[in-house]
Amino acid sequence: MDRRGRASQKRRRLTAAAARVLHEQGIERTTLADIAREADVPVGNVYYYFKTKDELVRAALAEHRTHLDELTGRLGESPDPRDRLKGLVEAWVAQRESAARHGCPTGTLAVELDKRTDGTLDAEAGEVIRRLLDWTAAQFRALGLPDPDGLALTLVSGYQGMSLLANALRDPGVMSREGERLLRWLDSLQPDEDV
C-alpha cells in the first residue's frame, strides 16, 4: 500500500474510532488520546488529520451519515417500502445492547452538542437526523399513505424514545418490546382510499 493509501486508512480508522468513543463516552469526557488509542494510532498523528476535537466530532457525524446511507442503501434493495421500514426498525432493535449502554449514536450526540454554545455542530447532527426523516417519509409516500412526513416523525420519534428509555433504564428489552410495537404499527397502516 502506498503512502496515500496508508494515510487514508489511518484517517478512516480515526474517524470510526471517534464515532465509537464519542458515542460511548460523550464529547466532554473524550480526549484525543482516547480516540488515538481506539484507532491504534499514535496520539501525535491525530493532530495531523484533525486539528481540534470539533473536527473529530464533525468526522464522527460524517461516520454516522455514512452508516445511515449504507443502511438505507441495503434496505432500498427491497422492492416493498413497508419491508424497508420494517427492516429499519429491525436494524434499530439489533443495536439494543449498545442503545441500552449508550443511547442512539446520533441522538445522544445531538443532545450533547445542543448544550454547547460554541458552534454549529448541533445543526450538523440535526442534518443526519433530517436525512433519516426524509428517507423514512419517502417510504411512507411510496406506500401512498397520507401525511408521510408526520408518519416519519412518529417512527423516528419512537426510535429516539425507545433508545433513550433503554439507556436510562439500562434495559435492552425496551428496544425489543417497542420495536415489536413499531412493527405492528407499520403493518396496520393502510393507504387512504379517498386520496
N, C-alpha and C. Protein backbone atom coordinates (compact mmCIF):
# COMPACT_ATOMS: atom_id res chain seq x y z
N MET A 1 0.84 -1.17 0.00
CA MET A 1 0.00 0.00 0.00
C MET A 1 0.89 1.23 0.00
N ASP A 2 0.58 2.19 -0.84
CA ASP A 2 1.38 3.41 -0.92
C ASP A 2 1.07 4.34 0.26
N ARG A 3 1.85 5.41 0.36
CA ARG A 3 1.74 6.34 1.48
C ARG A 3 0.35 6.98 1.55
N ARG A 4 -0.20 7.36 0.41
CA ARG A 4 -1.52 7.98 0.38
C ARG A 4 -2.58 7.00 0.88
N GLY A 5 -2.46 5.74 0.47
CA GLY A 5 -3.40 4.71 0.91
C GLY A 5 -3.32 4.47 2.41
N ARG A 6 -2.10 4.46 2.95
CA ARG A 6 -1.94 4.27 4.40
C ARG A 6 -2.52 5.46 5.16
N ALA A 7 -2.28 6.66 4.64
CA ALA A 7 -2.81 7.87 5.29
C ALA A 7 -4.34 7.85 5.27
N SER A 8 -4.91 7.45 4.15
CA SER A 8 -6.37 7.38 4.04
C SER A 8 -6.93 6.35 5.01
N GLN A 9 -6.25 5.21 5.11
CA GLN A 9 -6.68 4.15 6.02
C GLN A 9 -6.59 4.62 7.48
N LYS A 10 -5.53 5.36 7.81
CA LYS A 10 -5.36 5.85 9.17
C LYS A 10 -6.45 6.87 9.51
N ARG A 11 -6.75 7.76 8.57
CA ARG A 11 -7.82 8.75 8.78
C ARG A 11 -9.15 8.03 8.98
N ARG A 12 -9.39 7.00 8.19
CA ARG A 12 -10.63 6.23 8.29
C ARG A 12 -10.74 5.56 9.66
N ARG A 13 -9.63 4.99 10.15
CA ARG A 13 -9.63 4.37 11.48
C ARG A 13 -9.91 5.40 12.57
N LEU A 14 -9.31 6.58 12.43
CA LEU A 14 -9.55 7.64 13.41
C LEU A 14 -11.01 8.10 13.40
N THR A 15 -11.58 8.21 12.20
CA THR A 15 -12.98 8.64 12.08
C THR A 15 -13.91 7.62 12.72
N ALA A 16 -13.70 6.34 12.42
CA ALA A 16 -14.53 5.28 13.01
C ALA A 16 -14.35 5.24 14.53
N ALA A 17 -13.12 5.40 14.98
CA ALA A 17 -12.85 5.40 16.42
C ALA A 17 -13.52 6.59 17.09
N ALA A 18 -13.47 7.74 16.45
CA ALA A 18 -14.12 8.93 17.01
C ALA A 18 -15.62 8.69 17.18
N ALA A 19 -16.25 8.10 16.18
CA ALA A 19 -17.69 7.84 16.26
C ALA A 19 -17.99 6.90 17.43
N ARG A 20 -17.19 5.85 17.60
CA ARG A 20 -17.42 4.88 18.68
C ARG A 20 -17.18 5.50 20.06
N VAL A 21 -16.02 6.15 20.21
CA VAL A 21 -15.64 6.66 21.53
C VAL A 21 -16.55 7.82 21.95
N LEU A 22 -16.87 8.71 21.03
CA LEU A 22 -17.77 9.82 21.37
C LEU A 22 -19.15 9.30 21.76
N HIS A 23 -19.60 8.25 21.10
CA HIS A 23 -20.88 7.65 21.46
C HIS A 23 -20.82 7.04 22.85
N GLU A 24 -19.75 6.36 23.15
CA GLU A 24 -19.64 5.66 24.42
C GLU A 24 -19.33 6.59 25.60
N GLN A 25 -18.52 7.61 25.37
CA GLN A 25 -18.05 8.46 26.48
C GLN A 25 -18.62 9.86 26.48
N GLY A 26 -19.14 10.31 25.34
CA GLY A 26 -19.59 11.70 25.24
C GLY A 26 -18.43 12.60 24.84
N ILE A 27 -18.78 13.78 24.40
CA ILE A 27 -17.77 14.71 23.88
C ILE A 27 -16.84 15.21 24.98
N GLU A 28 -17.41 15.65 26.08
CA GLU A 28 -16.60 16.28 27.12
C GLU A 28 -15.64 15.30 27.79
N ARG A 29 -16.04 14.06 27.93
CA ARG A 29 -15.17 13.07 28.60
C ARG A 29 -14.15 12.44 27.66
N THR A 30 -14.30 12.64 26.38
CA THR A 30 -13.40 12.02 25.40
C THR A 30 -12.21 12.92 25.13
N THR A 31 -11.03 12.30 25.14
CA THR A 31 -9.81 13.03 24.77
C THR A 31 -9.32 12.54 23.42
N LEU A 32 -8.46 13.31 22.81
CA LEU A 32 -7.86 12.88 21.56
C LEU A 32 -7.04 11.61 21.78
N ALA A 33 -6.45 11.48 22.95
CA ALA A 33 -5.68 10.27 23.27
C ALA A 33 -6.60 9.04 23.30
N ASP A 34 -7.83 9.20 23.80
CA ASP A 34 -8.78 8.08 23.81
C ASP A 34 -9.06 7.60 22.38
N ILE A 35 -9.25 8.56 21.50
CA ILE A 35 -9.55 8.22 20.10
C ILE A 35 -8.34 7.59 19.44
N ALA A 36 -7.16 8.14 19.70
CA ALA A 36 -5.93 7.58 19.13
C ALA A 36 -5.73 6.14 19.59
N ARG A 37 -5.97 5.90 20.87
CA ARG A 37 -5.81 4.55 21.43
C ARG A 37 -6.81 3.59 20.76
N GLU A 38 -8.05 4.01 20.62
CA GLU A 38 -9.08 3.16 19.99
C GLU A 38 -8.73 2.85 18.52
N ALA A 39 -8.13 3.84 17.85
CA ALA A 39 -7.77 3.67 16.43
C ALA A 39 -6.42 3.01 16.25
N ASP A 40 -5.70 2.80 17.36
CA ASP A 40 -4.35 2.23 17.32
C ASP A 40 -3.42 3.10 16.46
N VAL A 41 -3.48 4.40 16.77
CA VAL A 41 -2.68 5.40 16.06
C VAL A 41 -1.96 6.24 17.13
N PRO A 42 -0.69 6.56 16.95
CA PRO A 42 -0.01 7.43 17.92
C PRO A 42 -0.76 8.76 18.07
N VAL A 43 -0.88 9.22 19.32
CA VAL A 43 -1.69 10.41 19.58
C VAL A 43 -1.20 11.62 18.78
N GLY A 44 0.09 11.73 18.56
CA GLY A 44 0.60 12.85 17.77
C GLY A 44 0.08 12.86 16.34
N ASN A 45 -0.21 11.70 15.82
CA ASN A 45 -0.74 11.60 14.45
C ASN A 45 -2.17 12.13 14.33
N VAL A 46 -2.90 12.13 15.44
CA VAL A 46 -4.28 12.62 15.40
C VAL A 46 -4.29 14.06 14.91
N TYR A 47 -3.34 14.86 15.41
CA TYR A 47 -3.29 16.28 15.06
C TYR A 47 -2.97 16.50 13.59
N TYR A 48 -2.35 15.54 12.97
CA TYR A 48 -2.06 15.64 11.54
C TYR A 48 -3.36 15.63 10.74
N TYR A 49 -4.32 14.83 11.19
CA TYR A 49 -5.58 14.67 10.47
C TYR A 49 -6.68 15.59 10.99
N PHE A 50 -6.67 15.84 12.30
CA PHE A 50 -7.73 16.63 12.93
C PHE A 50 -7.08 17.62 13.89
N LYS A 51 -7.27 18.88 13.65
CA LYS A 51 -6.60 19.90 14.47
C LYS A 51 -7.31 20.13 15.80
N THR A 52 -8.62 19.88 15.85
CA THR A 52 -9.38 20.13 17.07
C THR A 52 -10.33 18.97 17.35
N LYS A 53 -10.84 18.94 18.55
CA LYS A 53 -11.84 17.93 18.90
C LYS A 53 -13.09 18.14 18.06
N ASP A 54 -13.45 19.40 17.79
CA ASP A 54 -14.63 19.67 16.96
C ASP A 54 -14.49 19.04 15.57
N GLU A 55 -13.28 19.04 15.02
CA GLU A 55 -13.08 18.39 13.72
C GLU A 55 -13.32 16.89 13.84
N LEU A 56 -12.95 16.31 14.97
CA LEU A 56 -13.22 14.88 15.19
C LEU A 56 -14.72 14.63 15.37
N VAL A 57 -15.40 15.55 16.04
CA VAL A 57 -16.87 15.42 16.18
C VAL A 57 -17.51 15.49 14.81
N ARG A 58 -17.06 16.42 14.00
CA ARG A 58 -17.58 16.54 12.63
C ARG A 58 -17.33 15.24 11.85
N ALA A 59 -16.15 14.66 12.02
CA ALA A 59 -15.83 13.39 11.34
C ALA A 59 -16.74 12.27 11.86
N ALA A 60 -17.02 12.27 13.17
CA ALA A 60 -17.92 11.26 13.74
C ALA A 60 -19.32 11.41 13.16
N LEU A 61 -19.77 12.64 13.00
CA LEU A 61 -21.09 12.88 12.38
C LEU A 61 -21.10 12.38 10.93
N ALA A 62 -20.00 12.58 10.23
CA ALA A 62 -19.90 12.07 8.86
C ALA A 62 -19.95 10.55 8.87
N GLU A 63 -19.34 9.94 9.88
CA GLU A 63 -19.39 8.48 10.02
C GLU A 63 -20.83 8.01 10.25
N HIS A 64 -21.56 8.72 11.10
CA HIS A 64 -22.97 8.38 11.33
C HIS A 64 -23.78 8.51 10.04
N ARG A 65 -23.52 9.57 9.28
CA ARG A 65 -24.22 9.79 8.00
C ARG A 65 -23.89 8.65 7.02
N THR A 66 -22.62 8.26 6.97
CA THR A 66 -22.21 7.16 6.09
C THR A 66 -22.89 5.86 6.50
N HIS A 67 -22.94 5.59 7.80
CA HIS A 67 -23.60 4.39 8.29
C HIS A 67 -25.08 4.40 7.91
N LEU A 68 -25.73 5.54 8.09
CA LEU A 68 -27.14 5.67 7.72
C LEU A 68 -27.33 5.43 6.23
N ASP A 69 -26.47 6.02 5.41
CA ASP A 69 -26.58 5.84 3.96
C ASP A 69 -26.36 4.38 3.55
N GLU A 70 -25.43 3.71 4.21
CA GLU A 70 -25.19 2.29 3.92
C GLU A 70 -26.41 1.46 4.30
N LEU A 71 -26.97 1.75 5.47
CA LEU A 71 -28.15 1.02 5.94
C LEU A 71 -29.33 1.24 5.01
N THR A 72 -29.63 2.49 4.69
CA THR A 72 -30.78 2.76 3.82
C THR A 72 -30.52 2.25 2.41
N GLY A 73 -29.28 2.21 1.98
CA GLY A 73 -28.95 1.63 0.68
C GLY A 73 -29.27 0.14 0.65
N ARG A 74 -28.87 -0.57 1.71
CA ARG A 74 -29.20 -2.00 1.80
C ARG A 74 -30.70 -2.21 1.86
N LEU A 75 -31.37 -1.41 2.68
CA LEU A 75 -32.83 -1.54 2.81
C LEU A 75 -33.53 -1.21 1.50
N GLY A 76 -32.94 -0.29 0.74
CA GLY A 76 -33.52 0.11 -0.54
C GLY A 76 -33.53 -0.99 -1.58
N GLU A 77 -32.80 -2.06 -1.33
CA GLU A 77 -32.79 -3.19 -2.26
C GLU A 77 -34.10 -3.97 -2.22
N SER A 78 -34.86 -3.80 -1.15
CA SER A 78 -36.17 -4.44 -1.07
C SER A 78 -37.16 -3.66 -1.93
N PRO A 79 -37.98 -4.36 -2.72
CA PRO A 79 -38.93 -3.65 -3.58
C PRO A 79 -40.12 -3.07 -2.81
N ASP A 80 -40.36 -3.52 -1.58
CA ASP A 80 -41.53 -3.10 -0.82
C ASP A 80 -41.15 -2.05 0.22
N PRO A 81 -41.70 -0.82 0.12
CA PRO A 81 -41.37 0.23 1.08
C PRO A 81 -41.71 -0.14 2.53
N ARG A 82 -42.78 -0.92 2.73
CA ARG A 82 -43.13 -1.34 4.10
C ARG A 82 -42.03 -2.26 4.65
N ASP A 83 -41.53 -3.15 3.80
CA ASP A 83 -40.44 -4.03 4.23
C ASP A 83 -39.17 -3.22 4.53
N ARG A 84 -38.96 -2.14 3.78
CA ARG A 84 -37.80 -1.27 4.05
C ARG A 84 -37.94 -0.65 5.44
N LEU A 85 -39.13 -0.15 5.74
CA LEU A 85 -39.36 0.47 7.05
C LEU A 85 -39.23 -0.56 8.17
N LYS A 86 -39.76 -1.75 7.95
CA LYS A 86 -39.65 -2.79 8.96
C LYS A 86 -38.19 -3.21 9.13
N GLY A 87 -37.44 -3.23 8.05
CA GLY A 87 -36.01 -3.53 8.14
C GLY A 87 -35.27 -2.48 8.94
N LEU A 88 -35.70 -1.23 8.82
CA LEU A 88 -35.10 -0.15 9.60
C LEU A 88 -35.34 -0.39 11.09
N VAL A 89 -36.57 -0.71 11.44
CA VAL A 89 -36.89 -0.98 12.85
C VAL A 89 -36.08 -2.18 13.34
N GLU A 90 -35.99 -3.21 12.53
CA GLU A 90 -35.23 -4.40 12.93
C GLU A 90 -33.75 -4.07 13.12
N ALA A 91 -33.22 -3.18 12.30
CA ALA A 91 -31.82 -2.75 12.46
C ALA A 91 -31.64 -1.99 13.77
N TRP A 92 -32.62 -1.16 14.11
CA TRP A 92 -32.56 -0.45 15.40
C TRP A 92 -32.56 -1.43 16.56
N VAL A 93 -33.47 -2.40 16.50
CA VAL A 93 -33.58 -3.37 17.59
C VAL A 93 -32.31 -4.22 17.69
N ALA A 94 -31.69 -4.50 16.57
CA ALA A 94 -30.45 -5.28 16.59
C ALA A 94 -29.34 -4.57 17.37
N GLN A 95 -29.46 -3.26 17.51
CA GLN A 95 -28.47 -2.47 18.25
C GLN A 95 -28.89 -2.22 19.70
N ARG A 96 -29.80 -3.05 20.21
CA ARG A 96 -30.39 -2.81 21.53
C ARG A 96 -29.36 -2.82 22.67
N GLU A 97 -28.36 -3.67 22.59
CA GLU A 97 -27.36 -3.70 23.67
C GLU A 97 -26.58 -2.39 23.73
N SER A 98 -26.19 -1.91 22.57
CA SER A 98 -25.48 -0.63 22.50
C SER A 98 -26.37 0.52 22.95
N ALA A 99 -27.63 0.50 22.52
CA ALA A 99 -28.57 1.55 22.92
C ALA A 99 -28.77 1.55 24.43
N ALA A 100 -28.85 0.37 25.03
CA ALA A 100 -29.04 0.29 26.49
C ALA A 100 -27.83 0.85 27.23
N ARG A 101 -26.66 0.70 26.67
CA ARG A 101 -25.45 1.22 27.31
C ARG A 101 -25.21 2.70 27.03
N HIS A 102 -25.52 3.14 25.78
CA HIS A 102 -25.09 4.48 25.38
C HIS A 102 -26.15 5.33 24.68
N GLY A 103 -27.33 4.79 24.38
CA GLY A 103 -28.35 5.54 23.66
C GLY A 103 -28.11 5.50 22.16
N CYS A 104 -28.88 6.28 21.43
CA CYS A 104 -28.73 6.38 19.98
C CYS A 104 -27.46 7.17 19.66
N PRO A 105 -26.60 6.66 18.78
CA PRO A 105 -25.35 7.38 18.49
C PRO A 105 -25.56 8.83 18.04
N THR A 106 -26.45 9.04 17.10
CA THR A 106 -26.64 10.40 16.58
C THR A 106 -27.49 11.23 17.54
N GLY A 107 -28.52 10.62 18.10
CA GLY A 107 -29.41 11.36 19.00
C GLY A 107 -28.69 11.86 20.24
N THR A 108 -27.88 11.00 20.87
CA THR A 108 -27.17 11.44 22.07
C THR A 108 -26.13 12.51 21.74
N LEU A 109 -25.50 12.38 20.58
CA LEU A 109 -24.53 13.40 20.16
C LEU A 109 -25.25 14.73 19.90
N ALA A 110 -26.42 14.67 19.27
CA ALA A 110 -27.19 15.89 19.00
C ALA A 110 -27.58 16.59 20.30
N VAL A 111 -28.01 15.83 21.29
CA VAL A 111 -28.40 16.42 22.58
C VAL A 111 -27.19 17.05 23.25
N GLU A 112 -26.08 16.34 23.24
CA GLU A 112 -24.87 16.88 23.87
C GLU A 112 -24.39 18.15 23.15
N LEU A 113 -24.42 18.13 21.84
CA LEU A 113 -23.97 19.29 21.08
C LEU A 113 -24.89 20.49 21.26
N ASP A 114 -26.17 20.23 21.47
CA ASP A 114 -27.13 21.32 21.67
C ASP A 114 -26.83 22.10 22.93
N LYS A 115 -26.20 21.48 23.90
CA LYS A 115 -25.89 22.14 25.16
C LYS A 115 -24.68 23.06 25.04
N ARG A 116 -23.94 22.93 23.97
CA ARG A 116 -22.78 23.79 23.76
C ARG A 116 -23.23 25.06 23.04
N THR A 117 -22.55 26.13 23.30
CA THR A 117 -22.90 27.41 22.68
C THR A 117 -21.81 27.89 21.73
N ASP A 118 -20.87 27.02 21.42
CA ASP A 118 -19.69 27.48 20.71
C ASP A 118 -19.57 26.98 19.27
N GLY A 119 -20.68 26.70 18.61
CA GLY A 119 -20.51 26.23 17.23
C GLY A 119 -21.81 25.84 16.57
N THR A 120 -21.65 25.20 15.43
CA THR A 120 -22.80 24.80 14.62
C THR A 120 -22.90 23.29 14.50
N LEU A 121 -22.14 22.58 15.31
CA LEU A 121 -22.15 21.13 15.21
C LEU A 121 -23.51 20.53 15.56
N ASP A 122 -24.28 21.21 16.41
CA ASP A 122 -25.60 20.69 16.74
C ASP A 122 -26.49 20.66 15.50
N ALA A 123 -26.34 21.67 14.64
CA ALA A 123 -27.12 21.70 13.39
C ALA A 123 -26.67 20.56 12.46
N GLU A 124 -25.38 20.25 12.46
CA GLU A 124 -24.88 19.15 11.64
C GLU A 124 -25.43 17.81 12.13
N ALA A 125 -25.55 17.64 13.43
CA ALA A 125 -26.16 16.42 13.97
C ALA A 125 -27.63 16.37 13.56
N GLY A 126 -28.29 17.50 13.61
CA GLY A 126 -29.68 17.56 13.17
C GLY A 126 -29.85 17.20 11.71
N GLU A 127 -28.86 17.51 10.89
CA GLU A 127 -28.92 17.17 9.46
C GLU A 127 -28.91 15.65 9.25
N VAL A 128 -28.17 14.93 10.09
CA VAL A 128 -28.15 13.47 9.97
C VAL A 128 -29.54 12.92 10.31
N ILE A 129 -30.14 13.47 11.36
CA ILE A 129 -31.49 13.03 11.74
C ILE A 129 -32.50 13.43 10.66
N ARG A 130 -32.33 14.60 10.09
CA ARG A 130 -33.21 15.05 9.00
C ARG A 130 -33.11 14.09 7.81
N ARG A 131 -31.91 13.63 7.53
CA ARG A 131 -31.71 12.68 6.43
C ARG A 131 -32.51 11.39 6.67
N LEU A 132 -32.51 10.91 7.92
CA LEU A 132 -33.29 9.73 8.27
C LEU A 132 -34.78 10.02 8.12
N LEU A 133 -35.22 11.18 8.60
CA LEU A 133 -36.63 11.55 8.46
C LEU A 133 -37.05 11.61 6.99
N ASP A 134 -36.21 12.20 6.15
CA ASP A 134 -36.53 12.32 4.72
C ASP A 134 -36.64 10.95 4.06
N TRP A 135 -35.70 10.06 4.38
CA TRP A 135 -35.74 8.71 3.79
C TRP A 135 -37.00 7.98 4.24
N THR A 136 -37.29 8.10 5.53
CA THR A 136 -38.46 7.42 6.09
C THR A 136 -39.74 7.97 5.47
N ALA A 137 -39.84 9.28 5.33
CA ALA A 137 -41.03 9.88 4.71
C ALA A 137 -41.19 9.40 3.27
N ALA A 138 -40.08 9.23 2.56
CA ALA A 138 -40.15 8.76 1.17
C ALA A 138 -40.75 7.35 1.12
N GLN A 139 -40.47 6.53 2.13
CA GLN A 139 -41.04 5.17 2.16
C GLN A 139 -42.55 5.23 2.41
N PHE A 140 -42.96 6.08 3.35
CA PHE A 140 -44.39 6.23 3.60
C PHE A 140 -45.10 6.81 2.38
N ARG A 141 -44.44 7.72 1.70
CA ARG A 141 -45.00 8.32 0.48
C ARG A 141 -45.18 7.23 -0.59
N ALA A 142 -44.18 6.37 -0.73
CA ALA A 142 -44.25 5.29 -1.72
C ALA A 142 -45.37 4.30 -1.40
N LEU A 143 -45.74 4.21 -0.14
CA LEU A 143 -46.86 3.35 0.25
C LEU A 143 -48.21 4.02 0.00
N GLY A 144 -48.19 5.29 -0.38
CA GLY A 144 -49.43 6.01 -0.64
C GLY A 144 -50.17 6.41 0.63
N LEU A 145 -49.44 6.54 1.73
CA LEU A 145 -50.07 6.88 2.99
C LEU A 145 -50.19 8.39 3.16
N PRO A 146 -51.29 8.84 3.75
CA PRO A 146 -51.44 10.28 4.00
C PRO A 146 -50.45 10.75 5.06
N ASP A 147 -50.02 11.99 4.95
CA ASP A 147 -49.10 12.63 5.89
C ASP A 147 -47.82 11.83 6.09
N PRO A 148 -47.09 11.56 5.02
CA PRO A 148 -45.85 10.78 5.15
C PRO A 148 -44.81 11.45 6.04
N ASP A 149 -44.76 12.77 6.05
CA ASP A 149 -43.80 13.45 6.91
C ASP A 149 -44.15 13.26 8.38
N GLY A 150 -45.44 13.32 8.70
CA GLY A 150 -45.88 13.09 10.08
C GLY A 150 -45.63 11.66 10.52
N LEU A 151 -45.86 10.71 9.62
CA LEU A 151 -45.60 9.31 9.95
C LEU A 151 -44.11 9.07 10.18
N ALA A 152 -43.29 9.71 9.36
CA ALA A 152 -41.84 9.59 9.53
C ALA A 152 -41.42 10.14 10.89
N LEU A 153 -41.99 11.27 11.27
CA LEU A 153 -41.67 11.86 12.56
C LEU A 153 -42.10 10.93 13.70
N THR A 154 -43.26 10.31 13.55
CA THR A 154 -43.73 9.36 14.57
C THR A 154 -42.78 8.18 14.69
N LEU A 155 -42.37 7.61 13.56
CA LEU A 155 -41.48 6.44 13.58
C LEU A 155 -40.12 6.79 14.18
N VAL A 156 -39.51 7.86 13.72
CA VAL A 156 -38.18 8.23 14.21
C VAL A 156 -38.26 8.67 15.68
N SER A 157 -39.34 9.33 16.06
CA SER A 157 -39.54 9.68 17.48
C SER A 157 -39.65 8.43 18.32
N GLY A 158 -40.35 7.43 17.80
CA GLY A 158 -40.46 6.16 18.51
C GLY A 158 -39.09 5.55 18.75
N TYR A 159 -38.25 5.60 17.73
CA TYR A 159 -36.89 5.07 17.87
C TYR A 159 -36.10 5.86 18.90
N GLN A 160 -36.15 7.19 18.81
CA GLN A 160 -35.39 8.00 19.75
C GLN A 160 -35.87 7.77 21.18
N GLY A 161 -37.19 7.66 21.34
CA GLY A 161 -37.75 7.42 22.67
C GLY A 161 -37.33 6.08 23.23
N MET A 162 -37.41 5.03 22.40
CA MET A 162 -37.04 3.71 22.93
C MET A 162 -35.55 3.62 23.20
N SER A 163 -34.74 4.32 22.42
CA SER A 163 -33.29 4.35 22.68
C SER A 163 -33.00 5.06 23.99
N LEU A 164 -33.66 6.19 24.19
CA LEU A 164 -33.46 6.96 25.42
C LEU A 164 -33.88 6.15 26.63
N LEU A 165 -35.05 5.52 26.57
CA LEU A 165 -35.53 4.75 27.71
C LEU A 165 -34.70 3.50 27.95
N ALA A 166 -34.29 2.83 26.89
CA ALA A 166 -33.43 1.66 27.05
C ALA A 166 -32.14 2.06 27.76
N ASN A 167 -31.61 3.22 27.39
CA ASN A 167 -30.39 3.72 28.01
C ASN A 167 -30.65 4.13 29.46
N ALA A 168 -31.69 4.89 29.71
CA ALA A 168 -31.97 5.36 31.06
C ALA A 168 -32.25 4.21 32.02
N LEU A 169 -32.94 3.19 31.52
CA LEU A 169 -33.29 2.04 32.35
C LEU A 169 -32.26 0.92 32.27
N ARG A 170 -31.27 1.08 31.38
CA ARG A 170 -30.25 0.05 31.14
C ARG A 170 -30.91 -1.29 30.81
N ASP A 171 -31.94 -1.20 29.97
CA ASP A 171 -32.75 -2.37 29.65
C ASP A 171 -32.90 -2.53 28.14
N PRO A 172 -32.10 -3.40 27.50
CA PRO A 172 -32.24 -3.61 26.06
C PRO A 172 -33.60 -4.16 25.66
N GLY A 173 -34.30 -4.75 26.62
CA GLY A 173 -35.63 -5.27 26.33
C GLY A 173 -36.60 -4.19 25.91
N VAL A 174 -36.36 -2.96 26.35
CA VAL A 174 -37.21 -1.85 25.91
C VAL A 174 -37.18 -1.74 24.39
N MET A 175 -35.99 -1.87 23.83
CA MET A 175 -35.86 -1.79 22.36
C MET A 175 -36.61 -2.93 21.69
N SER A 176 -36.52 -4.12 22.25
CA SER A 176 -37.21 -5.27 21.67
C SER A 176 -38.72 -5.08 21.72
N ARG A 177 -39.23 -4.72 22.90
CA ARG A 177 -40.68 -4.57 23.06
C ARG A 177 -41.23 -3.44 22.20
N GLU A 178 -40.58 -2.30 22.24
CA GLU A 178 -41.07 -1.16 21.47
C GLU A 178 -40.86 -1.37 19.97
N GLY A 179 -39.79 -2.09 19.61
CA GLY A 179 -39.58 -2.43 18.20
C GLY A 179 -40.72 -3.28 17.68
N GLU A 180 -41.16 -4.25 18.48
CA GLU A 180 -42.31 -5.08 18.08
C GLU A 180 -43.56 -4.23 17.91
N ARG A 181 -43.75 -3.28 18.81
CA ARG A 181 -44.90 -2.38 18.72
C ARG A 181 -44.83 -1.56 17.43
N LEU A 182 -43.65 -1.07 17.10
CA LEU A 182 -43.50 -0.29 15.85
C LEU A 182 -43.75 -1.16 14.63
N LEU A 183 -43.31 -2.40 14.66
CA LEU A 183 -43.55 -3.30 13.53
C LEU A 183 -45.05 -3.55 13.34
N ARG A 184 -45.77 -3.75 14.45
CA ARG A 184 -47.23 -3.95 14.35
C ARG A 184 -47.90 -2.69 13.83
N TRP A 185 -47.43 -1.53 14.28
CA TRP A 185 -47.98 -0.26 13.81
C TRP A 185 -47.77 -0.13 12.30
N LEU A 186 -46.57 -0.44 11.82
CA LEU A 186 -46.29 -0.36 10.38
C LEU A 186 -47.22 -1.28 9.60
N ASP A 187 -47.45 -2.49 10.12
CA ASP A 187 -48.35 -3.43 9.44
C ASP A 187 -49.79 -2.91 9.41
N SER A 188 -50.17 -2.12 10.39
CA SER A 188 -51.56 -1.65 10.48
C SER A 188 -51.86 -0.48 9.55
N LEU A 189 -50.85 0.20 9.07
CA LEU A 189 -51.07 1.40 8.24
C LEU A 189 -51.57 1.01 6.85
N GLN A 190 -52.66 1.64 6.43
CA GLN A 190 -53.23 1.38 5.12
C GLN A 190 -53.41 2.70 4.37
N PRO A 191 -53.22 2.66 3.06
CA PRO A 191 -53.42 3.88 2.26
C PRO A 191 -54.86 4.39 2.40
N ASP A 192 -55.00 5.70 2.36
CA ASP A 192 -56.31 6.33 2.41
C ASP A 192 -56.99 6.12 1.05
N GLU A 193 -58.10 5.42 1.05
CA GLU A 193 -58.79 5.09 -0.21
C GLU A 193 -59.34 6.33 -0.90
N ASP A 194 -59.57 7.40 -0.17
CA ASP A 194 -60.15 8.63 -0.74
C ASP A 194 -59.14 9.49 -1.45
N VAL A 195 -57.86 9.18 -1.28
CA VAL A 195 -56.82 10.03 -1.87
C VAL A 195 -56.59 9.68 -3.32
